[in-house]
Amino acid sequence: MSDHVYKMVELVGSSETSIEDAIQTAIKRADQTLRNLHWFEVVQTRGHIENGEVRHFQVVLKAGFTLEGEYP
């Protein structure tokens, strides 16, 4: 078993559909430029209200990925 070192980044995803879609949007976009994504944590959820209805969802995520290379 090898030891892992993780880097953590903060992402913000948004969606007009749902919180889950906002999460998927953030992760899919991050996966285009980051390698070895392994986990995420939702740290904040918010939305936009218009005329008494929810119009937009936004989530703040912390996402972790392993750093490449060998470690002593």
N, C-alpha and C. Protein backbone atom coordinates (compact mmCIF):
# COMPACT_ATOMS: atom_id res chain seq x y z
N MET A 1 0.84 -1.18 0.00
CA MET A 1 0.00 0.00 0.00
C MET A 1 0.88 1.24 0.00
N SER A 2 0.58 2.19 -0.87
CA SER A 2 1.38 3.40 -0.94
C SER A 2 0.68 4.55 -0.23
N ASP A 3 1.48 5.49 0.23
CA ASP A 3 0.93 6.68 0.85
C ASP A 3 0.50 7.65 -0.24
N HIS A 4 -0.50 8.44 0.04
CA HIS A 4 -1.00 9.41 -0.93
C HIS A 4 -0.87 10.81 -0.37
N VAL A 5 -0.59 11.75 -1.24
CA VAL A 5 -0.62 13.16 -0.91
C VAL A 5 -1.68 13.78 -1.80
N TYR A 6 -2.58 14.52 -1.20
CA TYR A 6 -3.68 15.12 -1.94
C TYR A 6 -3.54 16.63 -2.01
N LYS A 7 -3.99 17.19 -3.10
CA LYS A 7 -4.13 18.62 -3.27
C LYS A 7 -5.62 18.90 -3.25
N MET A 8 -6.03 19.98 -2.59
CA MET A 8 -7.44 20.31 -2.51
C MET A 8 -7.69 21.65 -3.20
N VAL A 9 -8.74 21.71 -4.01
CA VAL A 9 -9.12 22.95 -4.68
C VAL A 9 -10.57 23.26 -4.35
N GLU A 10 -10.92 24.53 -4.47
CA GLU A 10 -12.31 24.92 -4.26
C GLU A 10 -12.94 25.20 -5.61
N LEU A 11 -14.14 24.67 -5.81
CA LEU A 11 -14.88 24.82 -7.06
C LEU A 11 -16.25 25.39 -6.76
N VAL A 12 -16.82 26.10 -7.71
CA VAL A 12 -18.20 26.57 -7.60
C VAL A 12 -18.94 26.12 -8.84
N GLY A 13 -19.99 25.34 -8.64
CA GLY A 13 -20.81 24.87 -9.76
C GLY A 13 -22.18 25.49 -9.69
N SER A 14 -22.79 25.70 -10.85
CA SER A 14 -24.13 26.28 -10.86
C SER A 14 -25.02 25.54 -11.85
N SER A 15 -26.32 25.64 -11.62
CA SER A 15 -27.30 24.97 -12.48
C SER A 15 -28.66 25.63 -12.30
N GLU A 16 -29.44 25.65 -13.35
CA GLU A 16 -30.82 26.09 -13.26
C GLU A 16 -31.74 24.93 -12.88
N THR A 17 -31.20 23.70 -12.87
CA THR A 17 -32.00 22.50 -12.67
C THR A 17 -32.03 22.01 -11.22
N SER A 18 -30.84 21.79 -10.62
CA SER A 18 -30.80 21.19 -9.28
C SER A 18 -29.43 21.35 -8.64
N ILE A 19 -29.38 21.07 -7.34
CA ILE A 19 -28.12 21.06 -6.61
C ILE A 19 -27.22 19.97 -7.18
N GLU A 20 -27.80 18.79 -7.42
CA GLU A 20 -27.02 17.67 -7.95
C GLU A 20 -26.40 18.01 -9.30
N ASP A 21 -27.16 18.71 -10.15
CA ASP A 21 -26.63 19.11 -11.45
C ASP A 21 -25.51 20.13 -11.30
N ALA A 22 -25.62 21.00 -10.32
CA ALA A 22 -24.56 21.99 -10.06
C ALA A 22 -23.27 21.28 -9.63
N ILE A 23 -23.40 20.22 -8.82
CA ILE A 23 -22.24 19.43 -8.42
C ILE A 23 -21.61 18.76 -9.63
N GLN A 24 -22.44 18.10 -10.44
CA GLN A 24 -21.94 17.42 -11.65
C GLN A 24 -21.25 18.40 -12.60
N THR A 25 -21.81 19.59 -12.74
CA THR A 25 -21.22 20.61 -13.61
C THR A 25 -19.82 20.97 -13.15
N ALA A 26 -19.66 21.19 -11.84
CA ALA A 26 -18.34 21.56 -11.30
C ALA A 26 -17.33 20.43 -11.47
N ILE A 27 -17.74 19.19 -11.15
CA ILE A 27 -16.82 18.05 -11.24
C ILE A 27 -16.44 17.75 -12.69
N LYS A 28 -17.41 17.76 -13.59
CA LYS A 28 -17.12 17.48 -15.00
C LYS A 28 -16.16 18.51 -15.59
N ARG A 29 -16.35 19.78 -15.22
CA ARG A 29 -15.45 20.82 -15.73
C ARG A 29 -14.06 20.69 -15.14
N ALA A 30 -13.97 20.42 -13.84
CA ALA A 30 -12.66 20.25 -13.20
C ALA A 30 -11.92 19.06 -13.77
N ASP A 31 -12.64 18.01 -14.12
CA ASP A 31 -12.04 16.80 -14.68
C ASP A 31 -11.38 17.05 -16.04
N GLN A 32 -11.74 18.13 -16.69
CA GLN A 32 -11.12 18.47 -17.98
C GLN A 32 -9.70 18.99 -17.82
N THR A 33 -9.37 19.52 -16.66
CA THR A 33 -8.03 20.10 -16.46
C THR A 33 -7.25 19.50 -15.30
N LEU A 34 -7.92 18.78 -14.41
CA LEU A 34 -7.25 18.16 -13.27
C LEU A 34 -7.26 16.65 -13.44
N ARG A 35 -6.14 16.02 -13.10
CA ARG A 35 -6.08 14.56 -13.14
C ARG A 35 -6.21 14.00 -11.73
N ASN A 36 -6.64 12.76 -11.66
CA ASN A 36 -6.67 12.01 -10.40
C ASN A 36 -7.64 12.57 -9.36
N LEU A 37 -8.77 13.14 -9.82
CA LEU A 37 -9.79 13.57 -8.86
C LEU A 37 -10.34 12.35 -8.14
N HIS A 38 -10.47 12.43 -6.81
CA HIS A 38 -10.91 11.27 -6.04
C HIS A 38 -12.08 11.54 -5.10
N TRP A 39 -12.29 12.77 -4.67
CA TRP A 39 -13.36 13.02 -3.73
C TRP A 39 -13.80 14.47 -3.79
N PHE A 40 -14.98 14.72 -3.25
CA PHE A 40 -15.45 16.10 -3.11
C PHE A 40 -16.28 16.23 -1.84
N GLU A 41 -16.39 17.46 -1.38
CA GLU A 41 -17.19 17.78 -0.20
C GLU A 41 -17.96 19.06 -0.51
N VAL A 42 -19.26 19.05 -0.35
CA VAL A 42 -20.06 20.26 -0.53
C VAL A 42 -19.94 21.09 0.75
N VAL A 43 -19.45 22.31 0.62
CA VAL A 43 -19.25 23.15 1.81
C VAL A 43 -20.26 24.30 1.89
N GLN A 44 -20.94 24.57 0.78
CA GLN A 44 -21.92 25.65 0.81
C GLN A 44 -22.93 25.44 -0.32
N THR A 45 -24.18 25.72 -0.01
CA THR A 45 -25.24 25.64 -1.01
C THR A 45 -26.03 26.94 -0.96
N ARG A 46 -26.31 27.49 -2.11
CA ARG A 46 -27.12 28.70 -2.15
C ARG A 46 -27.90 28.75 -3.45
N GLY A 47 -28.80 29.69 -3.56
CA GLY A 47 -29.59 29.80 -4.77
C GLY A 47 -30.11 31.21 -4.99
N HIS A 48 -30.70 31.38 -6.15
CA HIS A 48 -31.26 32.67 -6.55
C HIS A 48 -32.78 32.51 -6.63
N ILE A 49 -33.50 33.44 -6.04
CA ILE A 49 -34.96 33.41 -6.05
C ILE A 49 -35.47 34.56 -6.91
N GLU A 50 -36.44 34.23 -7.75
CA GLU A 50 -37.07 35.24 -8.60
C GLU A 50 -38.58 35.01 -8.61
N ASN A 51 -39.33 36.03 -8.29
CA ASN A 51 -40.80 35.93 -8.24
C ASN A 51 -41.28 34.78 -7.36
N GLY A 52 -40.60 34.59 -6.24
CA GLY A 52 -41.01 33.57 -5.28
C GLY A 52 -40.65 32.15 -5.66
N GLU A 53 -39.85 31.96 -6.70
CA GLU A 53 -39.43 30.62 -7.13
C GLU A 53 -37.92 30.53 -7.25
N VAL A 54 -37.41 29.33 -6.95
CA VAL A 54 -35.97 29.09 -7.11
C VAL A 54 -35.65 29.07 -8.60
N ARG A 55 -34.69 29.89 -9.00
CA ARG A 55 -34.32 29.99 -10.41
C ARG A 55 -32.93 29.46 -10.72
N HIS A 56 -32.08 29.39 -9.68
CA HIS A 56 -30.70 29.02 -9.92
C HIS A 56 -30.11 28.42 -8.66
N PHE A 57 -29.37 27.32 -8.79
CA PHE A 57 -28.69 26.67 -7.68
C PHE A 57 -27.19 26.88 -7.83
N GLN A 58 -26.50 27.07 -6.71
CA GLN A 58 -25.05 27.21 -6.73
C GLN A 58 -24.47 26.45 -5.54
N VAL A 59 -23.41 25.69 -5.79
CA VAL A 59 -22.74 24.94 -4.72
C VAL A 59 -21.25 25.26 -4.73
N VAL A 60 -20.68 25.32 -3.53
CA VAL A 60 -19.24 25.47 -3.37
C VAL A 60 -18.73 24.11 -2.92
N LEU A 61 -17.74 23.58 -3.62
CA LEU A 61 -17.18 22.26 -3.33
C LEU A 61 -15.71 22.37 -3.01
N LYS A 62 -15.23 21.47 -2.18
CA LYS A 62 -13.80 21.21 -2.06
C LYS A 62 -13.59 19.88 -2.77
N ALA A 63 -12.65 19.84 -3.68
CA ALA A 63 -12.36 18.61 -4.43
C ALA A 63 -10.91 18.24 -4.21
N GLY A 64 -10.64 16.95 -4.04
CA GLY A 64 -9.29 16.48 -3.80
C GLY A 64 -8.80 15.58 -4.90
N PHE A 65 -7.52 15.72 -5.22
CA PHE A 65 -6.89 14.85 -6.20
C PHE A 65 -5.50 14.49 -5.74
N THR A 66 -5.04 13.31 -6.15
CA THR A 66 -3.70 12.88 -5.75
C THR A 66 -2.66 13.55 -6.62
N LEU A 67 -1.56 13.91 -6.00
CA LEU A 67 -0.43 14.47 -6.73
C LEU A 67 0.34 13.34 -7.40
N GLU A 68 0.86 13.62 -8.57
CA GLU A 68 1.61 12.60 -9.30
C GLU A 68 3.05 12.55 -8.80
N GLY A 69 3.67 11.41 -8.99
CA GLY A 69 5.05 11.24 -8.60
C GLY A 69 5.18 10.32 -7.40
N GLU A 70 6.41 9.98 -7.11
CA GLU A 70 6.66 9.09 -5.97
C GLU A 70 7.10 9.92 -4.76
N TYR A 71 6.79 9.38 -3.59
CA TYR A 71 7.10 10.07 -2.35
C TYR A 71 7.96 9.15 -1.49
N PRO A 72 8.90 9.74 -0.78
CA PRO A 72 9.76 8.90 0.07
C PRO A 72 9.02 8.26 1.22
